[in-house]
C-alpha atoms as a PDB file:
ATOM      1  CA  MET A   1      12.644  22.542   7.486  1.00  0.00           C
ATOM      2  CA  PRO A   2      12.147  18.850   6.579  1.00  0.00           C
ATOM      3  CA  LYS A   3      12.868  18.021   2.944  1.00  0.00           C
ATOM      4  CA  ARG A   4      10.216  15.793   1.378  1.00  0.00           C
ATOM      5  CA  GLU A   5      12.545  14.734  -1.441  1.00  0.00           C
ATOM      6  CA  LEU A   6      14.872  13.220   1.170  1.00  0.00           C
ATOM      7  CA  GLY A   7      12.031  11.385   2.904  1.00  0.00           C
ATOM      8  CA  GLN A   8      12.592  13.387   6.090  1.00  0.00           C
ATOM      9  CA  HIS A   9      10.146  13.020   8.968  1.00  0.00           C
ATOM     10  CA  PHE A  10      11.947  14.174  12.090  1.00  0.00           C
ATOM     11  CA  LEU A  11      11.409  12.348  15.369  1.00  0.00           C
ATOM     12  CA  VAL A  12      10.143  14.939  17.878  1.00  0.00           C
ATOM     13  CA  ASP A  13       8.230  12.951  20.534  1.00  0.00           C
ATOM     14  CA  GLU A  14      10.753  11.695  23.088  1.00  0.00           C
ATOM     15  CA  ASN A  15       8.273   9.233  24.644  1.00  0.00           C
ATOM     16  CA  ILE A  16       9.072   6.730  21.898  1.00  0.00           C
ATOM     17  CA  LEU A  17      12.767   6.720  22.805  1.00  0.00           C
ATOM     18  CA  GLY A  18      12.292   4.258  25.659  1.00  0.00           C
ATOM     19  CA  VAL A  19      10.739   1.766  23.252  1.00  0.00           C
ATOM     20  CA  ILE A  20      13.679   2.182  20.895  1.00  0.00           C
ATOM     21  CA  GLY A  21      16.106   1.644  23.764  1.00  0.00           C
ATOM     22  CA  ARG A  22      14.339  -1.556  24.804  1.00  0.00           C
ATOM     23  CA  LEU A  23      14.103  -3.023  21.305  1.00  0.00           C
ATOM     24  CA  ALA A  24      17.722  -2.064  20.565  1.00  0.00           C
ATOM     25  CA  GLU A  25      18.817  -3.744  23.819  1.00  0.00           C
ATOM     26  CA  LEU A  26      21.141  -0.809  24.517  1.00  0.00           C
ATOM     27  CA  ARG A  27      24.128  -1.464  26.763  1.00  0.00           C
ATOM     28  CA  PRO A  28      26.785   0.984  28.094  1.00  0.00           C
ATOM     29  CA  GLY A  29      29.512  -0.625  25.988  1.00  0.00           C
ATOM     30  CA  ASP A  30      27.597  -0.535  22.688  1.00  0.00           C
ATOM     31  CA  VAL A  31      28.893   1.136  19.544  1.00  0.00           C
ATOM     32  CA  VAL A  32      25.918   2.239  17.437  1.00  0.00           C
ATOM     33  CA  LEU A  33      25.481   3.377  13.839  1.00  0.00           C
ATOM     34  CA  GLU A  34      22.640   5.856  13.368  1.00  0.00           C
ATOM     35  CA  VAL A  35      21.487   6.826   9.881  1.00  0.00           C
ATOM     36  CA  GLY A  36      19.543  10.058   9.434  1.00  0.00           C
ATOM     37  CA  PRO A  37      19.864  11.722  12.864  1.00  0.00           C
ATOM     38  CA  GLY A  38      17.752  14.659  11.690  1.00  0.00           C
ATOM     39  CA  LEU A  39      17.392  17.031  14.649  1.00  0.00           C
ATOM     40  CA  GLY A  40      19.419  14.783  16.946  1.00  0.00           C
ATOM     41  CA  VAL A  41      16.630  13.660  19.309  1.00  0.00           C
ATOM     42  CA  LEU A  42      17.528   9.962  19.047  1.00  0.00           C
ATOM     43  CA  THR A  43      21.245  10.754  18.756  1.00  0.00           C
ATOM     44  CA  ALA A  44      21.273  12.531  22.114  1.00  0.00           C
ATOM     45  CA  TYR A  45      19.345   9.673  23.702  1.00  0.00           C
ATOM     46  CA  LEU A  46      21.832   7.129  22.371  1.00  0.00           C
ATOM     47  CA  ALA A  47      24.841   9.212  23.421  1.00  0.00           C
ATOM     48  CA  GLU A  48      23.684   9.103  27.052  1.00  0.00           C
ATOM     49  CA  ARG A  49      23.411   5.316  27.037  1.00  0.00           C
ATOM     50  CA  VAL A  50      26.147   3.833  24.837  1.00  0.00           C
ATOM     51  CA  ALA A  51      29.902   4.102  24.419  1.00  0.00           C
ATOM     52  CA  HIS A  52      29.989   5.592  20.916  1.00  0.00           C
ATOM     53  CA  VAL A  53      27.588   6.759  18.176  1.00  0.00           C
ATOM     54  CA  HIS A  54      28.433   7.071  14.486  1.00  0.00           C
ATOM     55  CA  ALA A  55      25.714   9.396  13.138  1.00  0.00           C
ATOM     56  CA  VAL A  56      25.455   9.739   9.350  1.00  0.00           C
ATOM     57  CA  GLU A  57      23.345  12.550   7.853  1.00  0.00           C
ATOM     58  CA  LEU A  58      22.879  13.352   4.184  1.00  0.00           C
ATOM     59  CA  ASP A  59      21.428  16.844   4.677  1.00  0.00           C
ATOM     60  CA  ARG A  60      24.319  19.217   5.402  1.00  0.00           C
ATOM     61  CA  SER A  61      21.912  22.047   6.204  1.00  0.00           C
ATOM     62  CA  LEU A  62      21.089  20.281   9.478  1.00  0.00           C
ATOM     63  CA  GLU A  63      24.674  20.546  10.728  1.00  0.00           C
ATOM     64  CA  PRO A  64      24.265  23.717  12.877  1.00  0.00           C
ATOM     65  CA  ARG A  65      21.251  22.335  14.716  1.00  0.00           C
ATOM     66  CA  LEU A  66      22.825  18.933  15.160  1.00  0.00           C
ATOM     67  CA  ARG A  67      26.083  20.354  16.490  1.00  0.00           C
ATOM     68  CA  GLU A  68      24.170  22.587  18.897  1.00  0.00           C
ATOM     69  CA  ARG A  69      22.039  19.693  20.154  1.00  0.00           C
ATOM     70  CA  LEU A  70      25.059  17.421  20.587  1.00  0.00           C
ATOM     71  CA  ALA A  71      27.530  20.003  21.882  1.00  0.00           C
ATOM     72  CA  GLY A  72      28.310  18.102  25.081  1.00  0.00           C
ATOM     73  CA  ALA A  73      28.197  14.615  23.583  1.00  0.00           C
ATOM     74  CA  HIS A  74      31.865  13.803  23.018  1.00  0.00           C
ATOM     75  CA  ASN A  75      31.091  10.189  22.134  1.00  0.00           C
ATOM     76  CA  VAL A  76      29.165  11.145  18.972  1.00  0.00           C
ATOM     77  CA  GLU A  77      30.947  11.256  15.613  1.00  0.00           C
ATOM     78  CA  LEU A  78      28.927  13.152  13.002  1.00  0.00           C
ATOM     79  CA  ARG A  79      29.472  12.303   9.355  1.00  0.00           C
ATOM     80  CA  PHE A  80      27.784  14.035   6.427  1.00  0.00           C
ATOM     81  CA  GLY A  81      27.178  12.035   3.276  1.00  0.00           C
ATOM     82  CA  ASP A  82      25.212   9.202   1.710  1.00  0.00           C
ATOM     83  CA  ALA A  83      24.846   6.290   4.115  1.00  0.00           C
ATOM     84  CA  LEU A  84      24.461   3.910   1.152  1.00  0.00           C
ATOM     85  CA  ALA A  85      28.016   4.805   0.113  1.00  0.00           C
ATOM     86  CA  LEU A  86      29.441   4.500   3.631  1.00  0.00           C
ATOM     87  CA  ASP A  87      32.150   1.883   4.190  1.00  0.00           C
ATOM     88  CA  VAL A  88      30.752   0.598   7.478  1.00  0.00           C
ATOM     89  CA  PRO A  89      33.524  -1.997   8.122  1.00  0.00           C
ATOM     90  CA  SER A  90      36.080   0.838   8.127  1.00  0.00           C
ATOM     91  CA  LEU A  91      34.416   2.677  11.044  1.00  0.00           C
ATOM     92  CA  ARG A  92      36.307   2.735  14.325  1.00  0.00           C
ATOM     93  CA  PRO A  93      35.250   1.818  16.876  1.00  0.00           C
ATOM     94  CA  ALA A  94      33.317  -0.791  14.945  1.00  0.00           C
ATOM     95  CA  PRO A  95      29.512  -0.496  15.281  1.00  0.00           C
ATOM     96  CA  ARG A  96      27.637  -3.610  16.373  1.00  0.00           C
ATOM     97  CA  LYS A  97      24.128  -2.143  16.230  1.00  0.00           C
ATOM     98  CA  LEU A  98      22.221  -0.046  13.700  1.00  0.00           C
ATOM     99  CA  VAL A  99      19.607   2.100  15.451  1.00  0.00           C
ATOM    100  CA  ALA A 100      17.818   4.680  13.322  1.00  0.00           C
ATOM    101  CA  ASN A 101      14.704   6.523  12.260  1.00  0.00           C
ATOM    102  CA  LEU A 102      15.388   5.754   8.624  1.00  0.00           C
ATOM    103  CA  PRO A 103      14.462   8.192   5.853  1.00  0.00           C
ATOM    104  CA  TYR A 104      11.594   6.508   3.998  1.00  0.00           C
ATOM    105  CA  ASN A 105      13.212   6.725   0.582  1.00  0.00           C
ATOM    106  CA  VAL A 106      16.329   4.739   1.548  1.00  0.00           C
ATOM    107  CA  ALA A 107      15.052   2.447   4.297  1.00  0.00           C
ATOM    108  CA  THR A 108      14.661  -0.738   2.258  1.00  0.00           C
ATOM    109  CA  PRO A 109      17.885  -0.561   0.199  1.00  0.00           C
ATOM    110  CA  LEU A 110      19.897   0.487   3.241  1.00  0.00           C
ATOM    111  CA  LEU A 111      18.669  -2.428   5.358  1.00  0.00           C
ATOM    112  CA  VAL A 112      19.200  -4.946   2.561  1.00  0.00           C
ATOM    113  CA  GLU A 113      22.690  -3.666   1.695  1.00  0.00           C
ATOM    114  CA  SER A 114      23.711  -3.693   5.352  1.00  0.00           C
ATOM    115  CA  LEU A 115      23.055  -7.435   5.606  1.00  0.00           C
ATOM    116  CA  ASP A 116      26.362  -8.278   3.927  1.00  0.00           C
ATOM    117  CA  ARG A 117      28.148  -4.949   3.444  1.00  0.00           C
ATOM    118  CA  ALA A 118      28.047  -4.283   7.182  1.00  0.00           C
ATOM    119  CA  PRO A 119      28.851  -7.782   8.494  1.00  0.00           C
ATOM    120  CA  GLY A 120      29.775  -6.441  11.927  1.00  0.00           C
ATOM    121  CA  ILE A 121      26.212  -5.270  12.584  1.00  0.00           C
ATOM    122  CA  GLU A 122      24.632  -7.819  14.916  1.00  0.00           C
ATOM    123  CA  LEU A 123      21.347  -6.089  15.722  1.00  0.00           C
ATOM    124  CA  TRP A 124      19.100  -3.660  13.834  1.00  0.00           C
ATOM    125  CA  CYS A 125      16.399  -1.448  15.363  1.00  0.00           C
ATOM    126  CA  ALA A 126      14.826   0.694  12.682  1.00  0.00           C
ATOM    127  CA  MET A 127      11.869   3.032  12.411  1.00  0.00           C
ATOM    128  CA  VAL A 128      10.357   2.465   8.973  1.00  0.00           C
ATOM    129  CA  GLN A 129       6.997   2.593   7.203  1.00  0.00           C
ATOM    130  CA  ARG A 130       4.762  -0.062   8.749  1.00  0.00           C
ATOM    131  CA  GLU A 131       4.339  -1.625   5.323  1.00  0.00           C
ATOM    132  CA  VAL A 132       8.126  -2.060   5.086  1.00  0.00           C
ATOM    133  CA  ALA A 133       8.374  -3.445   8.614  1.00  0.00           C
ATOM    134  CA  GLU A 134       5.734  -6.071   7.817  1.00  0.00           C
ATOM    135  CA  ARG A 135       7.378  -6.913   4.491  1.00  0.00           C
ATOM    136  CA  LEU A 136      10.704  -7.746   6.137  1.00  0.00           C
ATOM    137  CA  PHE A 137       9.342 -10.793   7.920  1.00  0.00           C
ATOM    138  CA  ALA A 138       6.333 -11.666   5.784  1.00  0.00           C
ATOM    139  CA  ALA A 139       5.520 -15.342   5.255  1.00  0.00           C
ATOM    140  CA  PRO A 140       5.562 -17.125   1.872  1.00  0.00           C
ATOM    141  CA  ARG A 141       2.355 -16.980  -0.183  1.00  0.00           C
ATOM    142  CA  THR A 142       1.375 -13.611   1.260  1.00  0.00           C
ATOM    143  CA  LYS A 143       1.084 -10.358  -0.659  1.00  0.00           C
ATOM    144  CA  ALA A 144       3.830  -8.725   1.421  1.00  0.00           C
ATOM    145  CA  TYR A 145       6.337 -11.544   0.820  1.00  0.00           C
ATOM    146  CA  GLY A 146       9.045 -10.657  -1.656  1.00  0.00           C
ATOM    147  CA  ALA A 147      12.770 -10.458  -2.337  1.00  0.00           C
ATOM    148  CA  VAL A 148      13.393  -8.256   0.694  1.00  0.00           C
ATOM    149  CA  SER A 149      11.574 -10.741   2.953  1.00  0.00           C
ATOM    150  CA  VAL A 150      13.710 -13.624   1.705  1.00  0.00           C
ATOM    151  CA  LEU A 151      17.047 -11.807   2.011  1.00  0.00           C
ATOM    152  CA  VAL A 152      16.402 -10.464   5.504  1.00  0.00           C
ATOM    153  CA  GLN A 153      15.099 -13.787   6.796  1.00  0.00           C
ATOM    154  CA  LEU A 154      18.140 -15.629   5.431  1.00  0.00           C
ATOM    155  CA  VAL A 155      20.358 -13.438   7.611  1.00  0.00           C
ATOM    156  CA  ALA A 156      18.335 -12.419  10.668  1.00  0.00           C
ATOM    157  CA  GLN A 157      15.513 -13.244  13.073  1.00  0.00           C
ATOM    158  CA  ARG A 158      12.969 -10.686  14.212  1.00  0.00           C
ATOM    159  CA  THR A 159      13.205  -9.835  17.904  1.00  0.00           C
ATOM    160  CA  GLY A 160      10.697  -6.996  18.234  1.00  0.00           C
ATOM    161  CA  PHE A 161       7.923  -4.991  16.586  1.00  0.00           C
ATOM    162  CA  HIS A 162       6.117  -1.856  17.775  1.00  0.00           C
ATOM    163  CA  ALA A 163       3.543   0.193  15.881  1.00  0.00           C
ATOM    164  CA  VAL A 164       4.263   3.938  16.019  1.00  0.00           C
ATOM    165  CA  SER A 165       1.812   6.854  15.886  1.00  0.00           C
ATOM    166  CA  ARG A 166       2.194   9.441  13.133  1.00  0.00           C
ATOM    167  CA  THR A 167       2.207  12.156  15.817  1.00  0.00           C
ATOM    168  CA  VAL A 168       5.778  11.367  16.930  1.00  0.00           C
ATOM    169  CA  PHE A 169       7.108  12.942  13.706  1.00  0.00           C
ATOM    170  CA  ARG A 170       7.321  16.404  12.254  1.00  0.00           C
ATOM    171  CA  PRO A 171       5.837  16.696   9.704  1.00  0.00           C
ATOM    172  CA  PRO A 172       3.454  13.763  10.367  1.00  0.00           C
ATOM    173  CA  PRO A 173       3.824  11.254   7.512  1.00  0.00           C
ATOM    174  CA  ASN A 174       0.870  10.137   5.421  1.00  0.00           C
ATOM    175  CA  VAL A 175       1.566   6.491   6.257  1.00  0.00           C
ATOM    176  CA  ASP A 176       1.790   4.433   9.417  1.00  0.00           C
ATOM    177  CA  SER A 177       5.194   3.621  10.859  1.00  0.00           C
ATOM    178  CA  ALA A 178       6.666   0.876  13.008  1.00  0.00           C
ATOM    179  CA  LEU A 179       9.794  -0.012  14.891  1.00  0.00           C
ATOM    180  CA  VAL A 180      11.233  -3.364  13.871  1.00  0.00           C
ATOM    181  CA  ALA A 181      14.174  -5.074  15.545  1.00  0.00           C
ATOM    182  CA  PHE A 182      16.059  -8.093  14.279  1.00  0.00           C
ATOM    183  CA  ARG A 183      19.242  -9.948  15.198  1.00  0.00           C
ATOM    184  CA  ARG A 184      21.792 -11.492  12.849  1.00  0.00           C
ATOM    185  CA  THR A 185      21.778 -15.292  12.785  1.00  0.00           C
ATOM    186  CA  GLY A 186      24.378 -15.768  10.067  1.00  0.00           C
ATOM    187  CA  LEU A 187      25.278 -14.919   6.473  1.00  0.00           C
ATOM    188  CA  PRO A 188      24.870 -17.571   3.778  1.00  0.00           C
ATOM    189  CA  PRO A 189      27.954 -18.280   1.642  1.00  0.00           C
ATOM    190  CA  ASP A 190      28.109 -16.326  -1.628  1.00  0.00           C
ATOM    191  CA  PHE A 191      25.296 -14.060  -0.490  1.00  0.00           C
ATOM    192  CA  ARG A 192      25.752 -11.763  -3.500  1.00  0.00           C
ATOM    193  CA  HIS A 193      24.919 -14.678  -5.826  1.00  0.00           C
ATOM    194  CA  VAL A 194      21.950 -15.650  -3.664  1.00  0.00           C
ATOM    195  CA  LYS A 195      20.756 -12.037  -3.782  1.00  0.00           C
ATOM    196  CA  ARG A 196      20.939 -11.974  -7.605  1.00  0.00           C
ATOM    197  CA  VAL A 197      18.873 -15.169  -7.797  1.00  0.00           C
ATOM    198  CA  VAL A 198      16.251 -13.925  -5.333  1.00  0.00           C
ATOM    199  CA  GLU A 199      15.884 -10.570  -7.049  1.00  0.00           C
ATOM    200  CA  ALA A 200      15.576 -12.207 -10.470  1.00  0.00           C
ATOM    201  CA  ALA A 201      12.966 -14.657  -9.139  1.00  0.00           C
ATOM    202  CA  PHE A 202      10.764 -11.816  -7.902  1.00  0.00           C
ATOM    203  CA  ALA A 203      11.526  -9.408 -10.763  1.00  0.00           C
ATOM    204  CA  HIS A 204       8.306 -10.334 -12.592  1.00  0.00           C
ATOM    205  CA  ARG A 205       5.839 -11.397  -9.890  1.00  0.00           C
ATOM    206  CA  ARG A 206       3.049 -12.230 -12.324  1.00  0.00           C
ATOM    207  CA  LYS A 207       5.291 -14.723 -14.120  1.00  0.00           C
ATOM    208  CA  THR A 208       6.394 -18.153 -13.003  1.00  0.00           C
ATOM    209  CA  LEU A 209       9.769 -18.185 -11.289  1.00  0.00           C
ATOM    210  CA  ALA A 210      11.407 -19.868 -14.304  1.00  0.00           C
ATOM    211  CA  ASN A 211      10.065 -17.231 -16.669  1.00  0.00           C
ATOM    212  CA  SER A 212      10.989 -14.417 -14.291  1.00  0.00           C
ATOM    213  CA  VAL A 213      14.672 -15.395 -13.998  1.00  0.00           C
ATOM    214  CA  GLU A 214      14.863 -15.744 -17.783  1.00  0.00           C
ATOM    215  CA  LEU A 215      13.299 -12.310 -18.346  1.00  0.00           C
ATOM    216  CA  ALA A 216      15.687 -10.872 -15.758  1.00  0.00           C
ATOM    217  CA  GLY A 217      18.611 -12.236 -17.790  1.00  0.00           C
ATOM    218  CA  LEU A 218      19.912 -14.560 -15.080  1.00  0.00           C
ATOM    219  CA  VAL A 219      19.599 -17.994 -16.751  1.00  0.00           C
ATOM    220  CA  GLY A 220      17.474 -19.643 -19.409  1.00  0.00           C
ATOM    221  CA  ARG A 221      14.046 -21.040 -18.560  1.00  0.00           C
ATOM    222  CA  GLU A 222      15.042 -24.685 -19.070  1.00  0.00           C
ATOM    223  CA  ARG A 223      17.899 -24.408 -16.632  1.00  0.00           C
ATOM    224  CA  ALA A 224      15.620 -22.722 -14.087  1.00  0.00           C
ATOM    225  CA  VAL A 225      13.012 -25.489 -14.497  1.00  0.00           C
ATOM    226  CA  ALA A 226      15.691 -28.135 -13.910  1.00  0.00           C
ATOM    227  CA  ALA A 227      16.850 -26.318 -10.769  1.00  0.00           C
ATOM    228  CA  LEU A 228      13.268 -26.179  -9.462  1.00  0.00           C
ATOM    229  CA  ALA A 229      12.831 -29.889 -10.171  1.00  0.00           C
ATOM    230  CA  ALA A 230      15.891 -30.638  -8.074  1.00  0.00           C
ATOM    231  CA  LEU A 231      14.104 -28.886  -5.205  1.00  0.00           C
ATOM    232  CA  GLY A 232      10.914 -30.874  -5.757  1.00  0.00           C
ATOM    233  CA  ARG A 233       9.126 -27.904  -7.331  1.00  0.00           C
ATOM    234  CA  GLY A 234       7.232 -27.955 -10.598  1.00  0.00           C
ATOM    235  CA  PRO A 235       7.861 -25.688 -13.603  1.00  0.00           C
ATOM    236  CA  ALA A 236       4.820 -23.536 -12.728  1.00  0.00           C
ATOM    237  CA  ALA A 237       6.161 -22.607  -9.277  1.00  0.00           C
ATOM    238  CA  ARG A 238       6.158 -18.912  -8.440  1.00  0.00           C
ATOM    239  CA  ALA A 239       8.747 -17.115  -6.355  1.00  0.00           C
ATOM    240  CA  GLU A 240       6.306 -16.312  -3.531  1.00  0.00           C
ATOM    241  CA  GLU A 241       5.712 -20.048  -2.979  1.00  0.00           C
ATOM    242  CA  LEU A 242       9.327 -20.780  -1.981  1.00  0.00           C
ATOM    243  CA  ALA A 243      10.504 -20.443   1.609  1.00  0.00           C
ATOM    244  CA  PRO A 244      13.720 -18.482   2.195  1.00  0.00           C
ATOM    245  CA  ALA A 245      15.795 -21.633   2.718  1.00  0.00           C
ATOM    246  CA  GLU A 246      14.660 -22.992  -0.664  1.00  0.00           C
ATOM    247  CA  PHE A 247      16.283 -20.024  -2.370  1.00  0.00           C
ATOM    248  CA  LEU A 248      19.644 -21.194  -1.012  1.00  0.00           C
ATOM    249  CA  GLY A 249      19.069 -24.505  -2.746  1.00  0.00           C
ATOM    250  CA  LEU A 250      17.934 -22.758  -5.909  1.00  0.00           C
ATOM    251  CA  ALA A 251      21.043 -20.551  -5.948  1.00  0.00           C
ATOM    252  CA  ALA A 252      23.266 -23.613  -5.477  1.00  0.00           C
ATOM    253  CA  GLU A 253      21.525 -25.488  -8.332  1.00  0.00           C
ATOM    254  CA  LEU A 254      21.923 -22.474 -10.638  1.00  0.00           C
ATOM    255  CA  GLY A 255      25.634 -22.327  -9.745  1.00  0.00           C
END
């Protein structure tokens, strides 16, 4: 029985698997990390097409059904626990792709944390709420553009997008979903500092960027205004006006 508090919507329609395989660019030698295998529909599909699957599930009550579904899949390693606490770099063999139908309540933090805490991941293919998928690669000055947009776009480039019907899940969610795929392009130096600056800049969206970072406790307003001036931005600039690359300059100016 799916648990709403865990954001569980199990993938049950296998017709969508081919789309996932295409967007994930699956190859026989791939090592894949899957978060939230649920009933194992995607896990079994991956196991038939790649070298190794690390499947991480929080809900221990699903273990009997997962083990039954994956009984003959000797290249699947099941782990039970919180994926947000998983030390991905310690996994062997090392995963190079993250392919998952992500539980809605952890999708955004998991994707953002994996940008630098899972540096070996080169390609992501994730099923998420459509709103989240659109937010990841939203453009500046749009309503969807925010801290998550900036951080993801500083690290990766979108390679695919596919809207998904609610009928492929059980129970059907109350929101639309989408598959989004993106490939790593690099990791800016001192990404943790950049992340703190970006999150502080967007912490109070109705405020100017300078006021927002001050309210967030990052730096004083005067210092933020000086940093913006160095970028050619005025003191009334708002976070949603800056392109992702400008946040690198802002982080450098703030030191």
